[in-house]
Amino acid sequence: MHDEALADGLVTLRDCLRWAASEFHLAGLFYGHGTDSAWDEAVALTLGALHLPWNVDPAVLDARLLPMERIRIVALVRARIETRRPLPYLLGEAFFAGIPFSVDERVLIPRSPIAELIEHGFAAWFPVEPPARVLDLCAGSGCIGIATALHLPGCEVDLADISSDALTVARENISRHDVGERVRAVESDLFAGLAGRRYDLIVCNPPYVDTHDLTTMPVEFRHEPALALGAGTDGLDIVRRILREARDHLTDEGVLIVELGNSDHHLEAAFPEVPFLWLEFERGGQGVFALTAAELDAHAASFA
């Protein structure tokens, strides 16, 4: 059946959802960029294509769609299956901590469990006063830093990344959320461009995929920038540098929070004497640790 004829038969939003979910299931797609099933992917695609919110009134399911809307949904479903591009790239948008961010192939798609920490204002480490200065290191789209600025309206945030392309996207998101007075984007190879600057909180989602995982990842991940994924044989090339250098950029009461996913076991093996605090998340996620400035001081010799 030609796509135009197919679109004519998909009258309501409910029709589009059912058809898209069936097509995704048959295609054997991988879901790891904001959804975890064919149905959730179909919901995200159709609502995104129609610019409808996630909490839209269910009565909309039986609304008749315009021909151009149906054609757009069919085209997006075809593109998702044929190209294996992650859905946020097709839509140009991803949600993080409940906030929309512009994304494309210049940046990693936001999906970090650190969103939960942001939503709680990092209260486990700052129960009285929120952090005044925050660094989002390896910032990519800027989602972690900008979401922090939006949830903690009193803080100032630096977004640092080695990729000028990524920082272009980050600046778009700074403008999109009108936080330019408190958030700035800095091109920096980790801390190299941040001389003399200290932060109460450094949050980092660096490249951490080891060589084996990088070569066996589903096709969807190959659309993301390799610079933002791979980090050597054990996935720790960047994290080792962060552990060596972070203390010079933290206040004495500061905290370092780093995500390294399933490379967490490599870190434990590399530094068995270090008391990494591994964080737990209500919505799932692994491999995020926290270290205080005092702990970085105590184990400086290990990181040297």
C-alpha atoms as a PDB file:
ATOM      1  CA  MET A   1       0.000   0.000   0.000  1.00  0.00           C
ATOM      2  CA  HIS A   2       1.343   3.447  -0.925  1.00  0.00           C
ATOM      3  CA  ASP A   3       1.907   5.746   2.027  1.00  0.00           C
ATOM      4  CA  GLU A   4      -0.664   8.295   0.846  1.00  0.00           C
ATOM      5  CA  ALA A   5      -3.339   5.624   0.665  1.00  0.00           C
ATOM      6  CA  LEU A   6      -2.206   4.321   4.042  1.00  0.00           C
ATOM      7  CA  ALA A   7      -2.459   7.806   5.542  1.00  0.00           C
ATOM      8  CA  ASP A   8      -6.009   8.102   4.214  1.00  0.00           C
ATOM      9  CA  GLY A   9      -6.933   5.016   6.239  1.00  0.00           C
ATOM     10  CA  LEU A  10      -5.478   6.297   9.495  1.00  0.00           C
ATOM     11  CA  VAL A  11      -8.324   8.558  10.486  1.00  0.00           C
ATOM     12  CA  THR A  12      -7.837   9.149  14.211  1.00  0.00           C
ATOM     13  CA  LEU A  13      -4.932   9.497  16.586  1.00  0.00           C
ATOM     14  CA  ARG A  14      -5.864   6.084  17.977  1.00  0.00           C
ATOM     15  CA  ASP A  15      -5.511   4.588  14.471  1.00  0.00           C
ATOM     16  CA  CYS A  16      -2.035   6.097  14.103  1.00  0.00           C
ATOM     17  CA  LEU A  17      -0.912   4.856  17.500  1.00  0.00           C
ATOM     18  CA  ARG A  18      -2.010   1.293  16.863  1.00  0.00           C
ATOM     19  CA  TRP A  19      -0.464   1.192  13.376  1.00  0.00           C
ATOM     20  CA  ALA A  20       2.844   2.753  14.488  1.00  0.00           C
ATOM     21  CA  ALA A  21       3.191   0.386  17.441  1.00  0.00           C
ATOM     22  CA  SER A  22       2.594  -2.605  15.161  1.00  0.00           C
ATOM     23  CA  GLU A  23       5.142  -1.385  12.616  1.00  0.00           C
ATOM     24  CA  PHE A  24       7.776  -0.775  15.296  1.00  0.00           C
ATOM     25  CA  HIS A  25       7.196  -4.204  16.802  1.00  0.00           C
ATOM     26  CA  LEU A  26       7.595  -5.904  13.412  1.00  0.00           C
ATOM     27  CA  ALA A  27      10.738  -3.894  12.640  1.00  0.00           C
ATOM     28  CA  GLY A  28      12.522  -4.984  15.817  1.00  0.00           C
ATOM     29  CA  LEU A  29      13.698  -1.498  16.731  1.00  0.00           C
ATOM     30  CA  PHE A  30      15.909  -0.747  19.717  1.00  0.00           C
ATOM     31  CA  TYR A  31      14.454   1.590  22.340  1.00  0.00           C
ATOM     32  CA  GLY A  32      16.913   3.444  24.524  1.00  0.00           C
ATOM     33  CA  HIS A  33      16.459   7.149  23.854  1.00  0.00           C
ATOM     34  CA  GLY A  34      13.514   8.032  26.049  1.00  0.00           C
ATOM     35  CA  THR A  35      11.193   5.054  25.548  1.00  0.00           C
ATOM     36  CA  ASP A  36      11.437   1.334  26.252  1.00  0.00           C
ATOM     37  CA  SER A  37       8.767  -0.326  24.094  1.00  0.00           C
ATOM     38  CA  ALA A  38       7.115  -0.183  20.683  1.00  0.00           C
ATOM     39  CA  TRP A  39       3.962   1.290  22.238  1.00  0.00           C
ATOM     40  CA  ASP A  40       5.808   4.039  24.145  1.00  0.00           C
ATOM     41  CA  GLU A  41       7.770   4.889  20.991  1.00  0.00           C
ATOM     42  CA  ALA A  42       4.522   5.132  19.026  1.00  0.00           C
ATOM     43  CA  VAL A  43       3.020   7.424  21.664  1.00  0.00           C
ATOM     44  CA  ALA A  44       6.124   9.639  21.679  1.00  0.00           C
ATOM     45  CA  LEU A  45       6.198   9.850  17.891  1.00  0.00           C
ATOM     46  CA  THR A  46       2.537  10.648  17.344  1.00  0.00           C
ATOM     47  CA  LEU A  47       2.282  13.186  20.164  1.00  0.00           C
ATOM     48  CA  GLY A  48       5.567  14.768  19.094  1.00  0.00           C
ATOM     49  CA  ALA A  49       4.488  14.943  15.457  1.00  0.00           C
ATOM     50  CA  LEU A  50       1.280  16.716  16.489  1.00  0.00           C
ATOM     51  CA  HIS A  51       2.972  18.959  19.091  1.00  0.00           C
ATOM     52  CA  LEU A  52       0.744  17.549  21.818  1.00  0.00           C
ATOM     53  CA  PRO A  53       1.835  17.223  25.472  1.00  0.00           C
ATOM     54  CA  TRP A  54       2.390  13.881  27.178  1.00  0.00           C
ATOM     55  CA  ASN A  55      -0.572  14.489  29.490  1.00  0.00           C
ATOM     56  CA  VAL A  56      -3.022  15.284  26.703  1.00  0.00           C
ATOM     57  CA  ASP A  57      -6.689  14.547  27.403  1.00  0.00           C
ATOM     58  CA  PRO A  58      -7.357  10.912  26.348  1.00  0.00           C
ATOM     59  CA  ALA A  59     -10.459  12.141  24.510  1.00  0.00           C
ATOM     60  CA  VAL A  60      -8.065  13.395  21.823  1.00  0.00           C
ATOM     61  CA  LEU A  61      -7.389   9.767  20.852  1.00  0.00           C
ATOM     62  CA  ASP A  62     -10.584   9.724  18.821  1.00  0.00           C
ATOM     63  CA  ALA A  63     -10.075  13.094  17.168  1.00  0.00           C
ATOM     64  CA  ARG A  64      -9.869  12.997  13.378  1.00  0.00           C
ATOM     65  CA  LEU A  65      -6.487  14.075  12.058  1.00  0.00           C
ATOM     66  CA  LEU A  66      -5.899  16.359   9.114  1.00  0.00           C
ATOM     67  CA  PRO A  67      -4.455  14.707   5.980  1.00  0.00           C
ATOM     68  CA  MET A  68      -1.155  16.575   6.403  1.00  0.00           C
ATOM     69  CA  GLU A  69      -0.916  15.349  10.015  1.00  0.00           C
ATOM     70  CA  ARG A  70      -1.460  11.745   9.000  1.00  0.00           C
ATOM     71  CA  ILE A  71       1.114  12.006   6.211  1.00  0.00           C
ATOM     72  CA  ARG A  72       3.650  13.473   8.643  1.00  0.00           C
ATOM     73  CA  ILE A  73       3.129  10.615  11.104  1.00  0.00           C
ATOM     74  CA  VAL A  74       3.484   7.981   8.385  1.00  0.00           C
ATOM     75  CA  ALA A  75       6.686   9.653   7.128  1.00  0.00           C
ATOM     76  CA  LEU A  76       8.170   9.734  10.620  1.00  0.00           C
ATOM     77  CA  VAL A  77       7.349   6.082  11.246  1.00  0.00           C
ATOM     78  CA  ARG A  78       8.976   5.130   7.936  1.00  0.00           C
ATOM     79  CA  ALA A  79      12.062   7.210   8.741  1.00  0.00           C
ATOM     80  CA  ARG A  80      12.380   5.695  12.224  1.00  0.00           C
ATOM     81  CA  ILE A  81      12.301   2.171  10.783  1.00  0.00           C
ATOM     82  CA  GLU A  82      14.361   2.668   7.640  1.00  0.00           C
ATOM     83  CA  THR A  83      17.132   4.891   9.005  1.00  0.00           C
ATOM     84  CA  ARG A  84      17.154   3.670  12.643  1.00  0.00           C
ATOM     85  CA  ARG A  85      17.658   7.304  13.665  1.00  0.00           C
ATOM     86  CA  PRO A  86      16.563   7.792  17.281  1.00  0.00           C
ATOM     87  CA  LEU A  87      13.182   9.445  17.535  1.00  0.00           C
ATOM     88  CA  PRO A  88      14.391  12.635  19.308  1.00  0.00           C
ATOM     89  CA  TYR A  89      16.598  13.388  16.291  1.00  0.00           C
ATOM     90  CA  LEU A  90      13.635  12.943  13.955  1.00  0.00           C
ATOM     91  CA  LEU A  91      11.525  15.270  16.092  1.00  0.00           C
ATOM     92  CA  GLY A  92      14.385  17.655  16.929  1.00  0.00           C
ATOM     93  CA  GLU A  93      13.450  17.562  20.592  1.00  0.00           C
ATOM     94  CA  ALA A  94      13.960  15.498  23.740  1.00  0.00           C
ATOM     95  CA  PHE A  95      12.566  15.885  27.244  1.00  0.00           C
ATOM     96  CA  PHE A  96      14.842  15.865  30.292  1.00  0.00           C
ATOM     97  CA  ALA A  97      13.658  16.475  33.869  1.00  0.00           C
ATOM     98  CA  GLY A  98      10.293  17.302  32.336  1.00  0.00           C
ATOM     99  CA  ILE A  99      11.803  20.080  30.194  1.00  0.00           C
ATOM    100  CA  PRO A 100      12.024  20.116  26.356  1.00  0.00           C
ATOM    101  CA  PHE A 101      15.451  20.517  24.765  1.00  0.00           C
ATOM    102  CA  SER A 102      16.445  20.969  21.150  1.00  0.00           C
ATOM    103  CA  VAL A 103      18.662  18.117  19.942  1.00  0.00           C
ATOM    104  CA  ASP A 104      20.246  16.866  16.750  1.00  0.00           C
ATOM    105  CA  GLU A 105      23.161  14.653  15.737  1.00  0.00           C
ATOM    106  CA  ARG A 106      25.686  17.139  17.154  1.00  0.00           C
ATOM    107  CA  VAL A 107      24.760  16.118  20.717  1.00  0.00           C
ATOM    108  CA  LEU A 108      23.951  13.052  22.771  1.00  0.00           C
ATOM    109  CA  ILE A 109      20.241  12.524  23.372  1.00  0.00           C
ATOM    110  CA  PRO A 110      19.397  13.401  27.022  1.00  0.00           C
ATOM    111  CA  ARG A 111      18.553  10.306  29.076  1.00  0.00           C
ATOM    112  CA  SER A 112      20.581  10.551  32.286  1.00  0.00           C
ATOM    113  CA  PRO A 113      19.087   9.439  35.624  1.00  0.00           C
ATOM    114  CA  ILE A 114      20.721  12.578  37.038  1.00  0.00           C
ATOM    115  CA  ALA A 115      17.404  14.221  36.127  1.00  0.00           C
ATOM    116  CA  GLU A 116      16.013  12.886  39.423  1.00  0.00           C
ATOM    117  CA  LEU A 117      18.752  14.627  41.408  1.00  0.00           C
ATOM    118  CA  ILE A 118      17.987  17.886  39.631  1.00  0.00           C
ATOM    119  CA  GLU A 119      14.263  17.572  40.342  1.00  0.00           C
ATOM    120  CA  HIS A 120      15.107  17.189  44.044  1.00  0.00           C
ATOM    121  CA  GLY A 121      17.497  20.149  43.972  1.00  0.00           C
ATOM    122  CA  PHE A 122      20.501  17.986  44.916  1.00  0.00           C
ATOM    123  CA  ALA A 123      19.078  18.218  48.433  1.00  0.00           C
ATOM    124  CA  ALA A 124      21.015  15.187  49.700  1.00  0.00           C
ATOM    125  CA  TRP A 125      24.194  17.312  49.530  1.00  0.00           C
ATOM    126  CA  PHE A 126      22.715  20.795  49.897  1.00  0.00           C
ATOM    127  CA  PRO A 127      19.864  20.442  52.432  1.00  0.00           C
ATOM    128  CA  VAL A 128      19.887  24.074  53.559  1.00  0.00           C
ATOM    129  CA  GLU A 129      21.352  26.272  50.833  1.00  0.00           C
ATOM    130  CA  PRO A 130      21.360  25.156  47.174  1.00  0.00           C
ATOM    131  CA  PRO A 131      24.661  25.321  45.282  1.00  0.00           C
ATOM    132  CA  ALA A 132      25.457  28.842  44.128  1.00  0.00           C
ATOM    133  CA  ARG A 133      27.809  27.867  41.285  1.00  0.00           C
ATOM    134  CA  VAL A 134      27.378  24.723  39.195  1.00  0.00           C
ATOM    135  CA  LEU A 135      29.434  23.223  36.389  1.00  0.00           C
ATOM    136  CA  ASP A 136      27.868  20.929  33.792  1.00  0.00           C
ATOM    137  CA  LEU A 137      31.006  19.248  32.439  1.00  0.00           C
ATOM    138  CA  CYS A 138      30.830  17.494  29.046  1.00  0.00           C
ATOM    139  CA  ALA A 139      27.574  19.384  28.684  1.00  0.00           C
ATOM    140  CA  GLY A 140      26.458  18.415  25.172  1.00  0.00           C
ATOM    141  CA  SER A 141      22.987  19.895  24.685  1.00  0.00           C
ATOM    142  CA  GLY A 142      23.296  21.618  28.074  1.00  0.00           C
ATOM    143  CA  CYS A 143      20.318  19.713  29.451  1.00  0.00           C
ATOM    144  CA  ILE A 144      21.824  18.953  32.870  1.00  0.00           C
ATOM    145  CA  GLY A 145      23.052  22.483  33.504  1.00  0.00           C
ATOM    146  CA  ILE A 146      20.029  24.286  32.090  1.00  0.00           C
ATOM    147  CA  ALA A 147      17.579  22.027  33.943  1.00  0.00           C
ATOM    148  CA  THR A 148      19.547  22.720  37.133  1.00  0.00           C
ATOM    149  CA  ALA A 149      19.319  26.463  36.502  1.00  0.00           C
ATOM    150  CA  LEU A 150      15.559  26.191  35.980  1.00  0.00           C
ATOM    151  CA  HIS A 151      15.005  24.111  39.126  1.00  0.00           C
ATOM    152  CA  LEU A 152      17.405  26.237  41.212  1.00  0.00           C
ATOM    153  CA  PRO A 153      16.723  29.802  40.073  1.00  0.00           C
ATOM    154  CA  GLY A 154      19.400  31.282  42.338  1.00  0.00           C
ATOM    155  CA  CYS A 155      22.390  29.430  40.900  1.00  0.00           C
ATOM    156  CA  GLU A 156      24.841  30.305  38.150  1.00  0.00           C
ATOM    157  CA  VAL A 157      25.851  27.552  35.727  1.00  0.00           C
ATOM    158  CA  ASP A 158      28.709  26.960  33.313  1.00  0.00           C
ATOM    159  CA  LEU A 159      28.236  24.498  30.455  1.00  0.00           C
ATOM    160  CA  ALA A 160      31.614  23.163  29.323  1.00  0.00           C
ATOM    161  CA  ASP A 161      32.271  20.929  26.320  1.00  0.00           C
ATOM    162  CA  ILE A 162      35.163  20.253  23.961  1.00  0.00           C
ATOM    163  CA  SER A 163      32.827  20.212  20.931  1.00  0.00           C
ATOM    164  CA  SER A 164      32.018  23.578  19.366  1.00  0.00           C
ATOM    165  CA  ASP A 165      29.145  21.889  17.506  1.00  0.00           C
ATOM    166  CA  ALA A 166      27.638  20.679  20.780  1.00  0.00           C
ATOM    167  CA  LEU A 167      28.001  24.142  22.300  1.00  0.00           C
ATOM    168  CA  THR A 168      26.071  25.628  19.391  1.00  0.00           C
ATOM    169  CA  VAL A 169      23.145  23.399  20.367  1.00  0.00           C
ATOM    170  CA  ALA A 170      23.653  24.246  24.050  1.00  0.00           C
ATOM    171  CA  ARG A 171      23.467  27.961  23.262  1.00  0.00           C
ATOM    172  CA  GLU A 172      20.237  27.365  21.348  1.00  0.00           C
ATOM    173  CA  ASN A 173      18.828  25.769  24.487  1.00  0.00           C
ATOM    174  CA  ILE A 174      20.092  28.616  26.663  1.00  0.00           C
ATOM    175  CA  SER A 175      18.131  31.001  24.445  1.00  0.00           C
ATOM    176  CA  ARG A 176      15.131  28.691  24.272  1.00  0.00           C
ATOM    177  CA  HIS A 177      14.793  28.725  28.065  1.00  0.00           C
ATOM    178  CA  ASP A 178      15.852  32.355  28.521  1.00  0.00           C
ATOM    179  CA  VAL A 179      18.565  31.616  31.078  1.00  0.00           C
ATOM    180  CA  GLY A 180      21.385  33.547  29.422  1.00  0.00           C
ATOM    181  CA  GLU A 181      21.859  35.806  32.441  1.00  0.00           C
ATOM    182  CA  ARG A 182      22.830  32.838  34.635  1.00  0.00           C
ATOM    183  CA  VAL A 183      24.075  30.180  32.211  1.00  0.00           C
ATOM    184  CA  ARG A 184      27.055  30.422  29.878  1.00  0.00           C
ATOM    185  CA  ALA A 185      28.603  27.942  27.439  1.00  0.00           C
ATOM    186  CA  VAL A 186      32.381  27.506  27.439  1.00  0.00           C
ATOM    187  CA  GLU A 187      34.490  25.549  24.959  1.00  0.00           C
ATOM    188  CA  SER A 188      36.854  23.558  27.146  1.00  0.00           C
ATOM    189  CA  ASP A 189      38.731  20.261  27.097  1.00  0.00           C
ATOM    190  CA  LEU A 190      37.424  19.204  30.510  1.00  0.00           C
ATOM    191  CA  PHE A 191      38.800  21.849  32.913  1.00  0.00           C
ATOM    192  CA  ALA A 192      41.408  23.380  30.574  1.00  0.00           C
ATOM    193  CA  GLY A 193      39.269  26.412  29.725  1.00  0.00           C
ATOM    194  CA  LEU A 194      38.051  26.974  33.283  1.00  0.00           C
ATOM    195  CA  ALA A 195      41.220  28.185  34.976  1.00  0.00           C
ATOM    196  CA  GLY A 196      40.577  29.882  38.314  1.00  0.00           C
ATOM    197  CA  ARG A 197      36.903  28.947  38.452  1.00  0.00           C
ATOM    198  CA  ARG A 198      35.505  26.976  41.407  1.00  0.00           C
ATOM    199  CA  TYR A 199      32.102  25.398  41.862  1.00  0.00           C
ATOM    200  CA  ASP A 200      29.934  24.124  44.697  1.00  0.00           C
ATOM    201  CA  LEU A 201      28.737  21.323  42.427  1.00  0.00           C
ATOM    202  CA  ILE A 202      30.273  19.668  39.377  1.00  0.00           C
ATOM    203  CA  VAL A 203      27.950  17.333  37.463  1.00  0.00           C
ATOM    204  CA  CYS A 204      29.270  15.330  34.559  1.00  0.00           C
ATOM    205  CA  ASN A 205      27.897  12.802  32.080  1.00  0.00           C
ATOM    206  CA  PRO A 206      31.140  12.167  30.178  1.00  0.00           C
ATOM    207  CA  PRO A 207      31.946   9.664  27.431  1.00  0.00           C
ATOM    208  CA  TYR A 208      32.211   6.316  29.231  1.00  0.00           C
ATOM    209  CA  VAL A 209      31.454   3.500  26.769  1.00  0.00           C
ATOM    210  CA  ASP A 210      34.234   0.898  26.641  1.00  0.00           C
ATOM    211  CA  THR A 211      35.601  -0.452  23.363  1.00  0.00           C
ATOM    212  CA  HIS A 212      33.632  -3.694  23.498  1.00  0.00           C
ATOM    213  CA  ASP A 213      30.295  -2.023  24.175  1.00  0.00           C
ATOM    214  CA  LEU A 214      30.973   0.626  21.532  1.00  0.00           C
ATOM    215  CA  THR A 215      31.414  -1.999  18.808  1.00  0.00           C
ATOM    216  CA  THR A 216      28.309  -3.955  19.835  1.00  0.00           C
ATOM    217  CA  MET A 217      25.841  -1.088  20.404  1.00  0.00           C
ATOM    218  CA  PRO A 218      22.575  -1.115  18.415  1.00  0.00           C
ATOM    219  CA  VAL A 219      22.463   0.871  15.179  1.00  0.00           C
ATOM    220  CA  GLU A 220      20.469   3.669  16.828  1.00  0.00           C
ATOM    221  CA  PHE A 221      23.488   4.703  18.913  1.00  0.00           C
ATOM    222  CA  ARG A 222      25.702   5.091  15.854  1.00  0.00           C
ATOM    223  CA  HIS A 223      23.764   8.223  14.951  1.00  0.00           C
ATOM    224  CA  GLU A 224      25.042   9.890  18.130  1.00  0.00           C
ATOM    225  CA  PRO A 225      28.438  11.653  18.123  1.00  0.00           C
ATOM    226  CA  ALA A 226      31.204   9.112  18.752  1.00  0.00           C
ATOM    227  CA  LEU A 227      33.095  11.803  20.688  1.00  0.00           C
ATOM    228  CA  ALA A 228      30.324  11.746  23.303  1.00  0.00           C
ATOM    229  CA  LEU A 229      30.325   7.954  23.725  1.00  0.00           C
ATOM    230  CA  GLY A 230      33.674   6.167  23.508  1.00  0.00           C
ATOM    231  CA  ALA A 231      36.300   6.440  26.252  1.00  0.00           C
ATOM    232  CA  GLY A 232      38.935   3.776  25.665  1.00  0.00           C
ATOM    233  CA  THR A 233      39.329   0.105  26.468  1.00  0.00           C
ATOM    234  CA  ASP A 234      37.682   0.289  29.885  1.00  0.00           C
ATOM    235  CA  GLY A 235      35.567   3.408  29.360  1.00  0.00           C
ATOM    236  CA  LEU A 236      37.531   5.377  31.950  1.00  0.00           C
ATOM    237  CA  ASP A 237      39.847   7.546  29.838  1.00  0.00           C
ATOM    238  CA  ILE A 238      37.857  10.719  30.601  1.00  0.00           C
ATOM    239  CA  VAL A 239      36.773   9.805  34.134  1.00  0.00           C
ATOM    240  CA  ARG A 240      40.403   9.301  35.249  1.00  0.00           C
ATOM    241  CA  ARG A 241      41.208  12.855  34.149  1.00  0.00           C
ATOM    242  CA  ILE A 242      38.140  14.206  35.915  1.00  0.00           C
ATOM    243  CA  LEU A 243      39.105  12.489  39.175  1.00  0.00           C
ATOM    244  CA  ARG A 244      42.626  13.964  38.944  1.00  0.00           C
ATOM    245  CA  GLU A 245      41.562  17.497  38.138  1.00  0.00           C
ATOM    246  CA  ALA A 246      38.138  18.097  39.689  1.00  0.00           C
ATOM    247  CA  ARG A 247      39.347  19.050  43.179  1.00  0.00           C
ATOM    248  CA  ASP A 248      41.092  22.155  41.852  1.00  0.00           C
ATOM    249  CA  HIS A 249      37.710  23.417  40.674  1.00  0.00           C
ATOM    250  CA  LEU A 250      35.583  22.545  43.713  1.00  0.00           C
ATOM    251  CA  THR A 251      34.966  24.634  46.803  1.00  0.00           C
ATOM    252  CA  ASP A 252      36.000  22.989  50.069  1.00  0.00           C
ATOM    253  CA  GLU A 253      32.422  21.839  50.676  1.00  0.00           C
ATOM    254  CA  GLY A 254      31.857  20.989  47.027  1.00  0.00           C
ATOM    255  CA  VAL A 255      30.569  17.780  45.459  1.00  0.00           C
ATOM    256  CA  LEU A 256      31.430  15.913  42.266  1.00  0.00           C
ATOM    257  CA  ILE A 257      28.701  13.786  40.632  1.00  0.00           C
ATOM    258  CA  VAL A 258      29.609  11.664  37.615  1.00  0.00           C
ATOM    259  CA  GLU A 259      27.686   9.195  35.485  1.00  0.00           C
ATOM    260  CA  LEU A 260      29.512   6.294  33.871  1.00  0.00           C
ATOM    261  CA  GLY A 261      26.762   3.745  33.317  1.00  0.00           C
ATOM    262  CA  ASN A 262      27.809   0.126  33.000  1.00  0.00           C
ATOM    263  CA  SER A 263      31.490   1.076  33.149  1.00  0.00           C
ATOM    264  CA  ASP A 264      30.959   1.332  36.922  1.00  0.00           C
ATOM    265  CA  HIS A 265      32.550  -2.074  37.482  1.00  0.00           C
ATOM    266  CA  HIS A 266      35.683  -0.907  35.670  1.00  0.00           C
ATOM    267  CA  LEU A 267      35.942   2.060  38.045  1.00  0.00           C
ATOM    268  CA  GLU A 268      35.517  -0.121  41.128  1.00  0.00           C
ATOM    269  CA  ALA A 269      38.277  -2.410  39.861  1.00  0.00           C
ATOM    270  CA  ALA A 270      40.593   0.508  39.049  1.00  0.00           C
ATOM    271  CA  PHE A 271      40.150   2.260  42.425  1.00  0.00           C
ATOM    272  CA  PRO A 272      39.119  -0.387  44.994  1.00  0.00           C
ATOM    273  CA  GLU A 273      40.248   1.793  47.899  1.00  0.00           C
ATOM    274  CA  VAL A 274      38.000   4.754  47.004  1.00  0.00           C
ATOM    275  CA  PRO A 275      34.568   4.945  48.741  1.00  0.00           C
ATOM    276  CA  PHE A 276      32.474   5.890  45.708  1.00  0.00           C
ATOM    277  CA  LEU A 277      28.883   6.595  46.738  1.00  0.00           C
ATOM    278  CA  TRP A 278      26.760   4.853  44.105  1.00  0.00           C
ATOM    279  CA  LEU A 279      23.389   6.528  43.812  1.00  0.00           C
ATOM    280  CA  GLU A 280      20.015   4.791  43.495  1.00  0.00           C
ATOM    281  CA  PHE A 281      17.140   6.140  41.418  1.00  0.00           C
ATOM    282  CA  GLU A 282      13.397   5.657  41.686  1.00  0.00           C
ATOM    283  CA  ARG A 283      12.970   5.575  37.905  1.00  0.00           C
ATOM    284  CA  GLY A 284      15.947   3.315  37.248  1.00  0.00           C
ATOM    285  CA  GLY A 285      19.496   3.920  36.110  1.00  0.00           C
ATOM    286  CA  GLN A 286      22.948   2.903  37.285  1.00  0.00           C
ATOM    287  CA  GLY A 287      26.556   3.948  37.422  1.00  0.00           C
ATOM    288  CA  VAL A 288      26.288   7.429  38.960  1.00  0.00           C
ATOM    289  CA  PHE A 289      28.670   8.192  41.809  1.00  0.00           C
ATOM    290  CA  ALA A 290      29.275  11.109  44.134  1.00  0.00           C
ATOM    291  CA  LEU A 291      32.479  12.186  45.865  1.00  0.00           C
ATOM    292  CA  THR A 292      32.932  15.170  48.145  1.00  0.00           C
ATOM    293  CA  ALA A 293      35.871  17.542  47.967  1.00  0.00           C
ATOM    294  CA  ALA A 294      37.153  16.022  51.211  1.00  0.00           C
ATOM    295  CA  GLU A 295      37.045  12.529  49.694  1.00  0.00           C
ATOM    296  CA  LEU A 296      38.880  13.725  46.608  1.00  0.00           C
ATOM    297  CA  ASP A 297      41.532  15.188  48.929  1.00  0.00           C
ATOM    298  CA  ALA A 298      41.810  11.966  50.911  1.00  0.00           C
ATOM    299  CA  HIS A 299      42.345   9.855  47.796  1.00  0.00           C
ATOM    300  CA  ALA A 300      44.316  12.302  45.685  1.00  0.00           C
ATOM    301  CA  ALA A 301      47.281   9.919  45.561  1.00  0.00           C
ATOM    302  CA  SER A 302      45.110   7.225  43.978  1.00  0.00           C
ATOM    303  CA  PHE A 303      43.999   9.558  41.197  1.00  0.00           C
ATOM    304  CA  ALA A 304      47.418  11.073  40.469  1.00  0.00           C
END
